[in-house]
N, C-alpha and C. Protein backbone atom coordinates (compact mmCIF):
# COMPACT_ATOMS: atom_id res chain seq x y z
N MET A 1 -10.41 -17.55 -7.77
CA MET A 1 -9.49 -16.44 -8.06
C MET A 1 -10.22 -15.10 -8.10
N LYS A 2 -11.38 -15.08 -8.74
CA LYS A 2 -12.15 -13.85 -8.81
C LYS A 2 -12.58 -13.40 -7.41
N LEU A 3 -12.93 -14.38 -6.57
CA LEU A 3 -13.32 -14.05 -5.20
C LEU A 3 -12.17 -13.43 -4.44
N LEU A 4 -10.96 -14.00 -4.60
CA LEU A 4 -9.79 -13.45 -3.92
C LEU A 4 -9.48 -12.04 -4.40
N LYS A 5 -9.61 -11.81 -5.70
CA LYS A 5 -9.37 -10.47 -6.23
C LYS A 5 -10.38 -9.48 -5.69
N LYS A 6 -11.63 -9.92 -5.57
CA LYS A 6 -12.66 -9.04 -5.05
C LYS A 6 -12.41 -8.72 -3.58
N ILE A 7 -11.99 -9.73 -2.82
CA ILE A 7 -11.66 -9.50 -1.40
C ILE A 7 -10.47 -8.57 -1.28
N ASP A 8 -9.45 -8.80 -2.11
CA ASP A 8 -8.26 -7.95 -2.07
C ASP A 8 -8.60 -6.50 -2.40
N LYS A 9 -9.52 -6.32 -3.32
CA LYS A 9 -9.87 -4.97 -3.76
C LYS A 9 -10.77 -4.25 -2.76
N ASN A 10 -11.64 -4.99 -2.08
CA ASN A 10 -12.70 -4.34 -1.30
C ASN A 10 -12.70 -4.68 0.18
N LEU A 11 -11.69 -5.39 0.69
CA LEU A 11 -11.72 -5.85 2.07
C LEU A 11 -11.92 -4.71 3.06
N GLU A 12 -11.03 -3.73 3.01
CA GLU A 12 -11.13 -2.61 3.97
C GLU A 12 -12.41 -1.83 3.76
N ARG A 13 -12.81 -1.65 2.51
CA ARG A 13 -14.03 -0.89 2.22
C ARG A 13 -15.25 -1.56 2.84
N TRP A 14 -15.35 -2.88 2.69
CA TRP A 14 -16.49 -3.61 3.23
C TRP A 14 -16.52 -3.54 4.76
N VAL A 15 -15.35 -3.80 5.37
CA VAL A 15 -15.30 -3.83 6.84
C VAL A 15 -15.59 -2.45 7.41
N MET A 16 -15.01 -1.41 6.82
CA MET A 16 -15.25 -0.06 7.32
C MET A 16 -16.70 0.37 7.09
N PHE A 17 -17.31 -0.10 6.02
CA PHE A 17 -18.73 0.19 5.80
C PHE A 17 -19.59 -0.43 6.90
N VAL A 18 -19.28 -1.68 7.25
CA VAL A 18 -20.03 -2.34 8.33
C VAL A 18 -19.82 -1.62 9.65
N LEU A 19 -18.57 -1.22 9.92
CA LEU A 19 -18.29 -0.52 11.18
C LEU A 19 -18.98 0.83 11.22
N LEU A 20 -18.97 1.57 10.11
CA LEU A 20 -19.63 2.86 10.07
C LEU A 20 -21.14 2.72 10.23
N ALA A 21 -21.70 1.71 9.57
CA ALA A 21 -23.13 1.46 9.73
C ALA A 21 -23.46 1.08 11.17
N GLY A 22 -22.59 0.26 11.78
CA GLY A 22 -22.81 -0.11 13.17
C GLY A 22 -22.74 1.07 14.11
N MET A 23 -21.75 1.95 13.90
CA MET A 23 -21.66 3.15 14.74
C MET A 23 -22.89 4.04 14.58
N THR A 24 -23.34 4.20 13.34
CA THR A 24 -24.52 5.04 13.09
C THR A 24 -25.75 4.45 13.78
N LEU A 25 -25.92 3.13 13.68
CA LEU A 25 -27.07 2.48 14.30
C LEU A 25 -27.03 2.57 15.82
N VAL A 26 -25.87 2.28 16.40
CA VAL A 26 -25.75 2.29 17.86
C VAL A 26 -25.97 3.69 18.41
N LEU A 27 -25.35 4.69 17.80
CA LEU A 27 -25.51 6.06 18.29
C LEU A 27 -26.91 6.58 18.02
N GLY A 28 -27.53 6.13 16.92
CA GLY A 28 -28.92 6.51 16.67
C GLY A 28 -29.86 5.96 17.73
N ILE A 29 -29.64 4.70 18.13
CA ILE A 29 -30.45 4.11 19.21
C ILE A 29 -30.22 4.86 20.52
N GLN A 30 -28.97 5.24 20.78
CA GLN A 30 -28.66 5.98 22.00
C GLN A 30 -29.38 7.34 22.03
N ILE A 31 -29.38 8.03 20.91
CA ILE A 31 -30.06 9.32 20.85
C ILE A 31 -31.56 9.16 21.07
N PHE A 32 -32.11 8.12 20.44
CA PHE A 32 -33.56 7.87 20.61
C PHE A 32 -33.88 7.56 22.07
N CYS A 33 -33.09 6.71 22.68
CA CYS A 33 -33.36 6.33 24.09
C CYS A 33 -33.16 7.52 25.03
N ARG A 34 -32.16 8.36 24.74
CA ARG A 34 -31.88 9.47 25.65
C ARG A 34 -32.93 10.56 25.57
N PHE A 35 -33.34 10.95 24.35
CA PHE A 35 -34.21 12.11 24.20
C PHE A 35 -35.68 11.75 24.07
N VAL A 36 -35.98 10.53 23.66
CA VAL A 36 -37.39 10.13 23.51
C VAL A 36 -37.85 9.32 24.71
N LEU A 37 -37.08 8.29 25.06
CA LEU A 37 -37.46 7.43 26.18
C LEU A 37 -36.92 7.94 27.52
N ASN A 38 -36.02 8.92 27.45
CA ASN A 38 -35.42 9.50 28.66
C ASN A 38 -34.72 8.41 29.50
N ASN A 39 -34.05 7.51 28.82
CA ASN A 39 -33.38 6.40 29.49
C ASN A 39 -32.14 6.03 28.66
N SER A 40 -31.01 6.62 28.99
CA SER A 40 -29.79 6.43 28.20
C SER A 40 -29.23 5.02 28.36
N LEU A 41 -28.59 4.55 27.29
CA LEU A 41 -27.90 3.27 27.33
C LEU A 41 -26.51 3.45 27.92
N THR A 42 -26.04 2.43 28.60
CA THR A 42 -24.72 2.52 29.24
C THR A 42 -23.59 2.00 28.37
N TRP A 43 -23.90 1.25 27.34
CA TRP A 43 -22.88 0.56 26.56
C TRP A 43 -22.69 1.13 25.15
N SER A 44 -23.58 1.98 24.68
CA SER A 44 -23.57 2.39 23.28
C SER A 44 -22.32 3.20 22.91
N GLU A 45 -21.96 4.16 23.75
CA GLU A 45 -20.83 5.02 23.42
C GLU A 45 -19.51 4.23 23.43
N GLU A 46 -19.38 3.31 24.34
CA GLU A 46 -18.17 2.50 24.40
C GLU A 46 -18.06 1.60 23.16
N LEU A 47 -19.16 0.98 22.78
CA LEU A 47 -19.15 0.11 21.60
C LEU A 47 -18.85 0.92 20.33
N ALA A 48 -19.46 2.09 20.22
CA ALA A 48 -19.19 2.94 19.06
C ALA A 48 -17.73 3.38 19.04
N ARG A 49 -17.17 3.64 20.18
CA ARG A 49 -15.76 4.05 20.26
C ARG A 49 -14.84 2.92 19.80
N PHE A 50 -15.15 1.70 20.20
CA PHE A 50 -14.34 0.56 19.78
C PHE A 50 -14.43 0.35 18.26
N MET A 51 -15.61 0.49 17.70
CA MET A 51 -15.75 0.36 16.25
C MET A 51 -15.01 1.47 15.52
N PHE A 52 -15.00 2.65 16.11
CA PHE A 52 -14.25 3.76 15.51
C PHE A 52 -12.76 3.49 15.53
N ILE A 53 -12.26 2.89 16.61
CA ILE A 53 -10.84 2.55 16.70
C ILE A 53 -10.45 1.56 15.60
N TRP A 54 -11.29 0.54 15.41
CA TRP A 54 -11.01 -0.44 14.37
C TRP A 54 -11.03 0.20 12.98
N SER A 55 -12.01 1.03 12.73
CA SER A 55 -12.09 1.67 11.41
C SER A 55 -10.90 2.60 11.18
N THR A 56 -10.38 3.21 12.23
CA THR A 56 -9.23 4.10 12.10
C THR A 56 -7.99 3.35 11.62
N PHE A 57 -7.69 2.22 12.26
CA PHE A 57 -6.48 1.49 11.90
C PHE A 57 -6.64 0.75 10.58
N LEU A 58 -7.85 0.31 10.26
CA LEU A 58 -8.07 -0.31 8.96
C LEU A 58 -7.96 0.70 7.82
N SER A 59 -8.27 1.95 8.12
CA SER A 59 -8.23 2.97 7.07
C SER A 59 -6.80 3.28 6.62
N ILE A 60 -5.79 2.91 7.41
CA ILE A 60 -4.40 3.14 6.98
C ILE A 60 -4.11 2.35 5.71
N GLY A 61 -4.42 1.05 5.75
CA GLY A 61 -4.20 0.23 4.57
C GLY A 61 -5.08 0.65 3.40
N PHE A 62 -6.30 1.07 3.70
CA PHE A 62 -7.21 1.50 2.64
C PHE A 62 -6.66 2.74 1.93
N CYS A 63 -6.16 3.70 2.69
CA CYS A 63 -5.61 4.92 2.08
C CYS A 63 -4.36 4.62 1.27
N LEU A 64 -3.52 3.70 1.75
CA LEU A 64 -2.34 3.33 0.98
C LEU A 64 -2.72 2.63 -0.32
N LYS A 65 -3.71 1.75 -0.25
CA LYS A 65 -4.12 1.01 -1.44
C LYS A 65 -4.73 1.93 -2.48
N GLU A 66 -5.55 2.88 -2.04
CA GLU A 66 -6.23 3.78 -2.96
C GLU A 66 -5.38 4.99 -3.34
N GLY A 67 -4.24 5.19 -2.66
CA GLY A 67 -3.38 6.33 -2.96
C GLY A 67 -3.99 7.65 -2.56
N ILE A 68 -4.77 7.67 -1.49
CA ILE A 68 -5.46 8.89 -1.07
C ILE A 68 -4.93 9.44 0.25
N SER A 69 -3.79 8.91 0.70
CA SER A 69 -3.19 9.46 1.91
C SER A 69 -2.64 10.85 1.62
N LEU A 70 -2.60 11.69 2.65
CA LEU A 70 -2.13 13.05 2.47
C LEU A 70 -0.65 13.06 2.10
N LYS A 71 -0.31 13.84 1.09
CA LYS A 71 1.08 13.95 0.68
C LYS A 71 1.30 15.28 -0.03
N ILE A 72 2.54 15.75 -0.02
CA ILE A 72 2.92 16.96 -0.74
C ILE A 72 3.88 16.53 -1.84
N ASP A 73 3.43 16.57 -3.09
CA ASP A 73 4.22 16.07 -4.20
C ASP A 73 4.71 17.17 -5.14
N THR A 74 4.78 18.41 -4.63
CA THR A 74 5.23 19.52 -5.47
C THR A 74 6.65 19.31 -5.97
N LEU A 75 7.54 18.87 -5.08
CA LEU A 75 8.94 18.66 -5.46
C LEU A 75 9.07 17.43 -6.36
N ILE A 76 8.36 16.35 -6.03
CA ILE A 76 8.46 15.12 -6.81
C ILE A 76 8.00 15.34 -8.24
N SER A 77 6.97 16.16 -8.42
CA SER A 77 6.41 16.37 -9.76
C SER A 77 7.38 17.08 -10.70
N LEU A 78 8.48 17.66 -10.18
CA LEU A 78 9.45 18.33 -11.03
C LEU A 78 10.37 17.34 -11.73
N PHE A 79 10.43 16.10 -11.26
CA PHE A 79 11.33 15.11 -11.83
C PHE A 79 10.66 14.37 -12.99
N PRO A 80 11.45 13.70 -13.83
CA PRO A 80 10.87 12.85 -14.88
C PRO A 80 10.05 11.71 -14.27
N LYS A 81 9.22 11.10 -15.11
CA LYS A 81 8.29 10.09 -14.62
C LYS A 81 9.00 8.92 -13.95
N LYS A 82 10.10 8.48 -14.55
CA LYS A 82 10.78 7.32 -13.98
C LYS A 82 11.48 7.66 -12.67
N VAL A 83 11.97 8.88 -12.55
CA VAL A 83 12.55 9.30 -11.27
C VAL A 83 11.46 9.39 -10.21
N GLN A 84 10.28 9.89 -10.60
CA GLN A 84 9.15 9.91 -9.68
C GLN A 84 8.81 8.50 -9.20
N ALA A 85 8.86 7.55 -10.14
CA ALA A 85 8.56 6.17 -9.77
C ALA A 85 9.55 5.62 -8.76
N VAL A 86 10.82 5.96 -8.93
CA VAL A 86 11.85 5.50 -7.99
C VAL A 86 11.62 6.11 -6.62
N ILE A 87 11.32 7.41 -6.57
CA ILE A 87 11.08 8.08 -5.29
C ILE A 87 9.86 7.48 -4.59
N LEU A 88 8.78 7.27 -5.35
CA LEU A 88 7.58 6.68 -4.75
C LEU A 88 7.84 5.25 -4.30
N LEU A 89 8.66 4.52 -5.04
CA LEU A 89 9.01 3.16 -4.65
C LEU A 89 9.78 3.16 -3.34
N LEU A 90 10.72 4.10 -3.20
CA LEU A 90 11.47 4.20 -1.94
C LEU A 90 10.53 4.55 -0.79
N GLY A 91 9.53 5.40 -1.06
CA GLY A 91 8.54 5.71 -0.03
C GLY A 91 7.76 4.48 0.39
N ASP A 92 7.37 3.64 -0.58
CA ASP A 92 6.66 2.41 -0.24
C ASP A 92 7.52 1.47 0.58
N VAL A 93 8.81 1.40 0.24
CA VAL A 93 9.72 0.54 0.99
C VAL A 93 9.85 1.03 2.44
N VAL A 94 10.01 2.33 2.61
CA VAL A 94 10.14 2.90 3.95
C VAL A 94 8.88 2.64 4.77
N MET A 95 7.71 2.81 4.15
CA MET A 95 6.46 2.56 4.88
C MET A 95 6.31 1.09 5.25
N THR A 96 6.71 0.20 4.34
CA THR A 96 6.64 -1.23 4.65
C THR A 96 7.51 -1.58 5.85
N VAL A 97 8.75 -1.09 5.83
CA VAL A 97 9.67 -1.36 6.94
C VAL A 97 9.14 -0.74 8.24
N PHE A 98 8.58 0.46 8.15
CA PHE A 98 8.08 1.14 9.33
C PHE A 98 6.94 0.36 9.99
N PHE A 99 5.97 -0.07 9.19
CA PHE A 99 4.84 -0.81 9.76
C PHE A 99 5.25 -2.19 10.27
N LEU A 100 6.20 -2.82 9.58
CA LEU A 100 6.71 -4.10 10.09
C LEU A 100 7.45 -3.90 11.40
N TYR A 101 8.13 -2.78 11.53
CA TYR A 101 8.83 -2.47 12.79
C TYR A 101 7.84 -2.28 13.94
N LEU A 102 6.65 -1.73 13.64
CA LEU A 102 5.66 -1.50 14.68
C LEU A 102 4.92 -2.76 15.10
N LEU A 103 4.94 -3.79 14.24
CA LEU A 103 4.16 -5.00 14.52
C LEU A 103 4.51 -5.68 15.85
N PRO A 104 5.78 -5.90 16.18
CA PRO A 104 6.08 -6.57 17.46
C PRO A 104 5.54 -5.80 18.68
N SER A 105 5.63 -4.48 18.66
CA SER A 105 5.10 -3.69 19.77
C SER A 105 3.59 -3.80 19.85
N ALA A 106 2.93 -3.82 18.68
CA ALA A 106 1.47 -3.98 18.67
C ALA A 106 1.07 -5.34 19.22
N TRP A 107 1.84 -6.37 18.89
CA TRP A 107 1.56 -7.71 19.40
C TRP A 107 1.72 -7.75 20.93
N GLU A 108 2.80 -7.17 21.43
CA GLU A 108 3.01 -7.15 22.89
C GLU A 108 1.90 -6.39 23.60
N PHE A 109 1.45 -5.30 22.99
CA PHE A 109 0.38 -4.50 23.59
C PHE A 109 -0.92 -5.31 23.68
N ALA A 110 -1.24 -6.05 22.62
CA ALA A 110 -2.46 -6.84 22.62
C ALA A 110 -2.33 -8.05 23.54
N TYR A 111 -1.16 -8.68 23.54
CA TYR A 111 -0.98 -9.89 24.34
C TYR A 111 -0.98 -9.57 25.83
N ALA A 112 -0.58 -8.36 26.20
CA ALA A 112 -0.60 -7.97 27.62
C ALA A 112 -2.02 -8.01 28.17
N SER A 113 -3.01 -7.60 27.37
CA SER A 113 -4.40 -7.63 27.83
C SER A 113 -4.94 -9.05 27.87
N VAL A 114 -4.35 -9.96 27.09
CA VAL A 114 -4.75 -11.36 27.17
C VAL A 114 -4.28 -11.95 28.49
N GLU A 115 -3.06 -11.62 28.89
CA GLU A 115 -2.50 -12.17 30.12
C GLU A 115 -3.22 -11.67 31.37
N ASN A 116 -3.56 -10.38 31.38
CA ASN A 116 -4.20 -9.85 32.59
C ASN A 116 -5.72 -9.95 32.56
N GLY A 117 -6.29 -10.42 31.45
CA GLY A 117 -7.74 -10.64 31.38
C GLY A 117 -8.56 -9.36 31.46
N GLN A 118 -8.02 -8.26 30.98
CA GLN A 118 -8.72 -6.99 31.07
C GLN A 118 -9.95 -6.96 30.15
N THR A 119 -11.05 -6.42 30.67
CA THR A 119 -12.28 -6.27 29.88
C THR A 119 -12.75 -4.82 29.96
N SER A 120 -13.59 -4.44 29.02
CA SER A 120 -14.10 -3.07 29.00
C SER A 120 -15.12 -2.87 30.12
N ALA A 121 -15.30 -1.63 30.53
CA ALA A 121 -16.13 -1.34 31.70
C ALA A 121 -17.61 -1.56 31.44
N ALA A 122 -18.13 -1.10 30.32
CA ALA A 122 -19.56 -1.14 30.07
C ALA A 122 -20.01 -2.41 29.35
N CYS A 123 -19.31 -2.78 28.31
CA CYS A 123 -19.72 -3.93 27.48
C CYS A 123 -19.15 -5.26 27.96
N GLY A 124 -18.08 -5.21 28.75
CA GLY A 124 -17.43 -6.44 29.17
C GLY A 124 -16.69 -7.14 28.06
N ILE A 125 -16.31 -6.43 27.01
CA ILE A 125 -15.58 -7.00 25.89
C ILE A 125 -14.11 -7.15 26.28
N PRO A 126 -13.50 -8.32 26.03
CA PRO A 126 -12.06 -8.45 26.28
C PRO A 126 -11.28 -7.40 25.50
N MET A 127 -10.37 -6.73 26.16
CA MET A 127 -9.70 -5.59 25.55
C MET A 127 -8.75 -5.99 24.43
N TYR A 128 -8.36 -7.28 24.38
CA TYR A 128 -7.48 -7.66 23.28
C TYR A 128 -8.21 -7.62 21.94
N PHE A 129 -9.55 -7.69 21.95
CA PHE A 129 -10.30 -7.50 20.71
C PHE A 129 -10.15 -6.07 20.20
N VAL A 130 -10.01 -5.14 21.10
CA VAL A 130 -9.86 -3.74 20.72
C VAL A 130 -8.40 -3.43 20.41
N GLN A 131 -7.51 -3.86 21.28
CA GLN A 131 -6.09 -3.55 21.11
C GLN A 131 -5.47 -4.33 19.95
N GLY A 132 -6.14 -5.42 19.56
CA GLY A 132 -5.66 -6.15 18.38
C GLY A 132 -5.82 -5.39 17.09
N SER A 133 -6.60 -4.31 17.13
CA SER A 133 -6.78 -3.50 15.92
C SER A 133 -5.46 -2.88 15.46
N LEU A 134 -4.55 -2.59 16.40
CA LEU A 134 -3.25 -2.05 16.02
C LEU A 134 -2.47 -3.06 15.19
N MET A 135 -2.42 -4.31 15.68
CA MET A 135 -1.66 -5.34 14.98
C MET A 135 -2.25 -5.62 13.60
N VAL A 136 -3.57 -5.74 13.53
CA VAL A 136 -4.22 -5.99 12.23
C VAL A 136 -4.01 -4.80 11.29
N GLY A 137 -4.18 -3.59 11.82
CA GLY A 137 -4.02 -2.40 10.99
C GLY A 137 -2.61 -2.24 10.46
N PHE A 138 -1.59 -2.45 11.31
CA PHE A 138 -0.21 -2.31 10.88
C PHE A 138 0.17 -3.41 9.89
N ALA A 139 -0.28 -4.64 10.12
CA ALA A 139 0.02 -5.74 9.20
C ALA A 139 -0.60 -5.47 7.83
N LEU A 140 -1.84 -5.02 7.84
CA LEU A 140 -2.52 -4.72 6.57
C LEU A 140 -1.87 -3.54 5.87
N ALA A 141 -1.44 -2.54 6.63
CA ALA A 141 -0.76 -1.39 6.04
C ALA A 141 0.57 -1.80 5.41
N ALA A 142 1.32 -2.67 6.09
CA ALA A 142 2.59 -3.15 5.53
C ALA A 142 2.33 -3.93 4.24
N PHE A 143 1.28 -4.73 4.23
CA PHE A 143 0.94 -5.51 3.04
C PHE A 143 0.55 -4.58 1.88
N ARG A 144 -0.26 -3.57 2.17
CA ARG A 144 -0.69 -2.65 1.11
C ARG A 144 0.48 -1.81 0.60
N ALA A 145 1.39 -1.43 1.50
CA ALA A 145 2.56 -0.66 1.06
C ALA A 145 3.45 -1.51 0.17
N ALA A 146 3.64 -2.78 0.54
CA ALA A 146 4.42 -3.68 -0.31
C ALA A 146 3.72 -3.96 -1.62
N GLN A 147 2.41 -4.02 -1.57
CA GLN A 147 1.62 -4.23 -2.78
C GLN A 147 1.76 -3.07 -3.76
N GLY A 148 2.10 -1.91 -3.22
CA GLY A 148 2.23 -0.73 -4.07
C GLY A 148 3.49 -0.70 -4.91
N TYR A 149 4.44 -1.64 -4.67
CA TYR A 149 5.67 -1.64 -5.46
C TYR A 149 5.36 -1.77 -6.95
N GLY A 150 4.57 -2.78 -7.29
CA GLY A 150 4.25 -2.99 -8.70
C GLY A 150 3.40 -1.87 -9.26
N ALA A 151 2.44 -1.38 -8.46
CA ALA A 151 1.57 -0.31 -8.96
C ALA A 151 2.35 0.98 -9.21
N THR A 152 3.42 1.19 -8.44
CA THR A 152 4.23 2.40 -8.63
C THR A 152 5.10 2.31 -9.87
N CYS A 153 5.70 1.15 -10.12
CA CYS A 153 6.65 1.02 -11.22
C CYS A 153 5.99 0.68 -12.55
N ALA A 154 4.90 -0.06 -12.50
CA ALA A 154 4.31 -0.58 -13.75
C ALA A 154 3.95 0.51 -14.76
N PRO A 155 3.29 1.62 -14.35
CA PRO A 155 2.91 2.62 -15.36
C PRO A 155 4.10 3.21 -16.11
N CYS A 156 5.25 3.29 -15.46
CA CYS A 156 6.40 3.92 -16.10
C CYS A 156 7.16 2.97 -17.02
N PHE A 157 7.07 1.65 -16.75
CA PHE A 157 7.86 0.70 -17.50
C PHE A 157 7.01 -0.24 -18.36
N ARG A 158 5.69 -0.13 -18.28
CA ARG A 158 4.84 -1.04 -19.03
C ARG A 158 5.05 -0.88 -20.54
N LYS A 159 5.19 0.38 -20.99
CA LYS A 159 5.35 0.62 -22.42
C LYS A 159 6.63 0.02 -22.94
N GLU A 160 7.74 0.22 -22.22
CA GLU A 160 9.00 -0.33 -22.66
C GLU A 160 8.98 -1.85 -22.66
N MET A 161 8.38 -2.45 -21.63
CA MET A 161 8.33 -3.90 -21.55
C MET A 161 7.52 -4.48 -22.71
N SER A 162 6.40 -3.83 -23.06
CA SER A 162 5.58 -4.32 -24.16
C SER A 162 6.33 -4.23 -25.48
N GLU A 163 7.15 -3.18 -25.64
CA GLU A 163 7.94 -3.05 -26.85
C GLU A 163 8.99 -4.16 -26.93
N TYR A 164 9.62 -4.47 -25.79
CA TYR A 164 10.63 -5.52 -25.78
C TYR A 164 10.02 -6.87 -26.18
N VAL A 165 8.87 -7.17 -25.60
CA VAL A 165 8.24 -8.45 -25.87
C VAL A 165 7.80 -8.56 -27.32
N SER A 166 7.26 -7.46 -27.88
CA SER A 166 6.73 -7.51 -29.24
C SER A 166 7.82 -7.47 -30.29
N ARG A 167 8.98 -6.91 -29.97
CA ARG A 167 10.03 -6.72 -30.98
C ARG A 167 11.01 -7.89 -31.04
N GLY A 168 11.08 -8.72 -30.04
CA GLY A 168 11.99 -9.84 -30.14
C GLY A 168 12.60 -10.20 -28.81
N PRO A 169 13.81 -10.84 -28.83
CA PRO A 169 14.48 -11.26 -27.60
C PRO A 169 14.66 -10.09 -26.65
N PHE A 170 14.44 -10.37 -25.40
CA PHE A 170 14.43 -9.29 -24.41
C PHE A 170 15.77 -8.57 -24.34
N LEU A 171 16.88 -9.33 -24.27
CA LEU A 171 18.19 -8.70 -24.05
C LEU A 171 18.58 -7.82 -25.22
N SER A 172 18.43 -8.33 -26.47
CA SER A 172 18.84 -7.54 -27.63
C SER A 172 17.97 -6.30 -27.77
N CYS A 173 16.67 -6.43 -27.45
CA CYS A 173 15.80 -5.26 -27.52
C CYS A 173 16.15 -4.24 -26.44
N PHE A 174 16.57 -4.76 -25.29
CA PHE A 174 16.99 -3.84 -24.22
C PHE A 174 18.21 -3.05 -24.66
N LEU A 175 19.15 -3.71 -25.32
CA LEU A 175 20.36 -3.03 -25.77
C LEU A 175 20.05 -2.00 -26.84
N SER A 176 19.17 -2.35 -27.79
CA SER A 176 18.82 -1.39 -28.83
C SER A 176 18.05 -0.22 -28.25
N SER A 177 17.28 -0.48 -27.18
CA SER A 177 16.56 0.61 -26.51
C SER A 177 17.55 1.57 -25.87
N CYS A 178 18.61 1.00 -25.28
CA CYS A 178 19.63 1.86 -24.68
C CYS A 178 20.31 2.71 -25.74
N SER A 179 20.57 2.14 -26.91
CA SER A 179 21.24 2.91 -27.95
C SER A 179 20.37 4.03 -28.47
N SER A 180 19.05 3.79 -28.55
CA SER A 180 18.15 4.85 -29.01
C SER A 180 17.98 5.93 -27.96
N ALA A 181 18.13 5.55 -26.67
CA ALA A 181 17.98 6.53 -25.60
C ALA A 181 19.19 7.44 -25.52
N CYS A 182 20.37 6.92 -25.83
CA CYS A 182 21.59 7.71 -25.73
C CYS A 182 22.57 7.28 -26.81
N PRO A 183 22.32 7.57 -28.08
CA PRO A 183 23.15 7.03 -29.17
C PRO A 183 24.58 7.52 -29.16
N SER A 184 24.82 8.74 -28.69
CA SER A 184 26.17 9.27 -28.75
C SER A 184 27.10 8.58 -27.78
N ARG A 185 26.57 8.02 -26.69
CA ARG A 185 27.38 7.39 -25.68
C ARG A 185 27.27 5.87 -25.71
N SER A 186 26.34 5.34 -26.46
CA SER A 186 26.07 3.92 -26.39
C SER A 186 27.01 3.12 -27.26
N PRO A 187 27.62 2.04 -26.76
CA PRO A 187 28.48 1.19 -27.57
C PRO A 187 27.69 0.36 -28.56
N TRP A 188 26.33 0.38 -28.45
CA TRP A 188 25.49 -0.38 -29.36
C TRP A 188 24.81 0.54 -30.38
N ALA A 189 25.34 1.74 -30.58
CA ALA A 189 24.68 2.70 -31.46
C ALA A 189 24.55 2.19 -32.88
N SER A 190 25.48 1.37 -33.33
CA SER A 190 25.42 0.87 -34.69
C SER A 190 24.72 -0.47 -34.81
N ALA A 191 24.14 -0.97 -33.72
CA ALA A 191 23.48 -2.28 -33.73
C ALA A 191 22.20 -2.19 -34.53
N PRO A 192 21.85 -3.24 -35.32
CA PRO A 192 20.60 -3.24 -36.07
C PRO A 192 19.40 -3.32 -35.16
N SER A 193 18.22 -3.01 -35.69
CA SER A 193 16.99 -3.02 -34.91
C SER A 193 16.58 -4.44 -34.58
N CYS A 194 15.84 -4.62 -33.50
CA CYS A 194 15.31 -5.91 -33.11
C CYS A 194 14.15 -6.29 -34.04
N PRO A 195 13.93 -7.57 -34.32
CA PRO A 195 14.84 -8.66 -33.93
C PRO A 195 16.03 -8.73 -34.87
N GLY A 196 17.09 -9.38 -34.46
CA GLY A 196 18.26 -9.50 -35.30
C GLY A 196 19.50 -9.61 -34.45
N SER A 197 20.62 -9.67 -35.09
CA SER A 197 21.87 -9.80 -34.35
C SER A 197 22.39 -8.43 -34.00
N TRP A 198 23.25 -8.38 -33.04
CA TRP A 198 23.86 -7.13 -32.64
C TRP A 198 25.31 -7.38 -32.28
N THR A 199 26.11 -6.33 -32.42
CA THR A 199 27.55 -6.46 -32.19
C THR A 199 27.85 -6.43 -30.71
N THR A 200 28.71 -7.32 -30.28
CA THR A 200 29.09 -7.34 -28.87
C THR A 200 29.87 -6.09 -28.54
N PRO A 201 29.53 -5.37 -27.51
CA PRO A 201 30.23 -4.12 -27.18
C PRO A 201 31.65 -4.37 -26.74
N SER A 202 32.52 -3.39 -27.01
CA SER A 202 33.92 -3.53 -26.61
C SER A 202 34.09 -3.34 -25.12
N ARG A 203 33.16 -2.63 -24.47
CA ARG A 203 33.21 -2.42 -23.03
C ARG A 203 32.07 -3.18 -22.37
N PRO A 204 32.27 -3.70 -21.16
CA PRO A 204 31.17 -4.38 -20.47
C PRO A 204 30.06 -3.40 -20.13
N ILE A 205 28.87 -3.93 -19.94
CA ILE A 205 27.70 -3.08 -19.73
C ILE A 205 27.81 -2.25 -18.47
N TRP A 206 28.51 -2.81 -17.43
CA TRP A 206 28.58 -2.06 -16.18
C TRP A 206 29.53 -0.87 -16.24
N SER A 207 30.33 -0.74 -17.31
CA SER A 207 31.25 0.37 -17.42
C SER A 207 30.69 1.50 -18.25
N TRP A 208 29.43 1.33 -18.75
CA TRP A 208 28.84 2.33 -19.62
C TRP A 208 27.63 2.97 -18.95
N SER A 209 27.49 4.25 -19.14
CA SER A 209 26.28 4.92 -18.69
C SER A 209 26.01 6.10 -19.61
N CYS A 210 24.73 6.48 -19.70
CA CYS A 210 24.36 7.55 -20.61
C CYS A 210 24.94 8.89 -20.18
N GLY A 211 25.17 9.05 -18.90
CA GLY A 211 25.57 10.36 -18.40
C GLY A 211 27.05 10.63 -18.53
N ARG A 212 27.82 9.67 -19.08
CA ARG A 212 29.27 9.88 -19.15
C ARG A 212 29.75 9.82 -20.58
């Protein structure tokens, strides 16, 4: 379990580190051969380009997981914390659907190079190894976006959930929480504190809201 958690936390970071180190090494050898030995390599730039392509698509999931993707949150920050959580959750849902929508096209793009047997010019690498980076990157991005559902909602609701668990039965504590949030409108305003019994409301829960 610890190994899986470590892989989940650091997968993209480890792979991108290896790719960056590989690009640095390959291009460093190319520079040495070109300017010192006066004999340039024919495959180094192509290999470095392929590693850069892989690191680019892997970085999508990494940015989503770490929350470092570019965003403008000036408008969102004006709302209460729970409204912000809902907006961010909707954003995660949209991104998940978007990347899942791109997956079939990425698969067709990679599979086309398998059928025609296309290889790279200098290294002779089958191109589906390169074009498969789209499918892997989009799948990982969809997974990380879906993984963000809990991370988005948990900070806003963790306190309330812990209070419910510590104070008694979940449903009665939820009802008393509603009454404390909006006592003037709540049919449970006179209900005793949790744990304990509470009076059944005269109106069903779906007919009541704090805003009315």
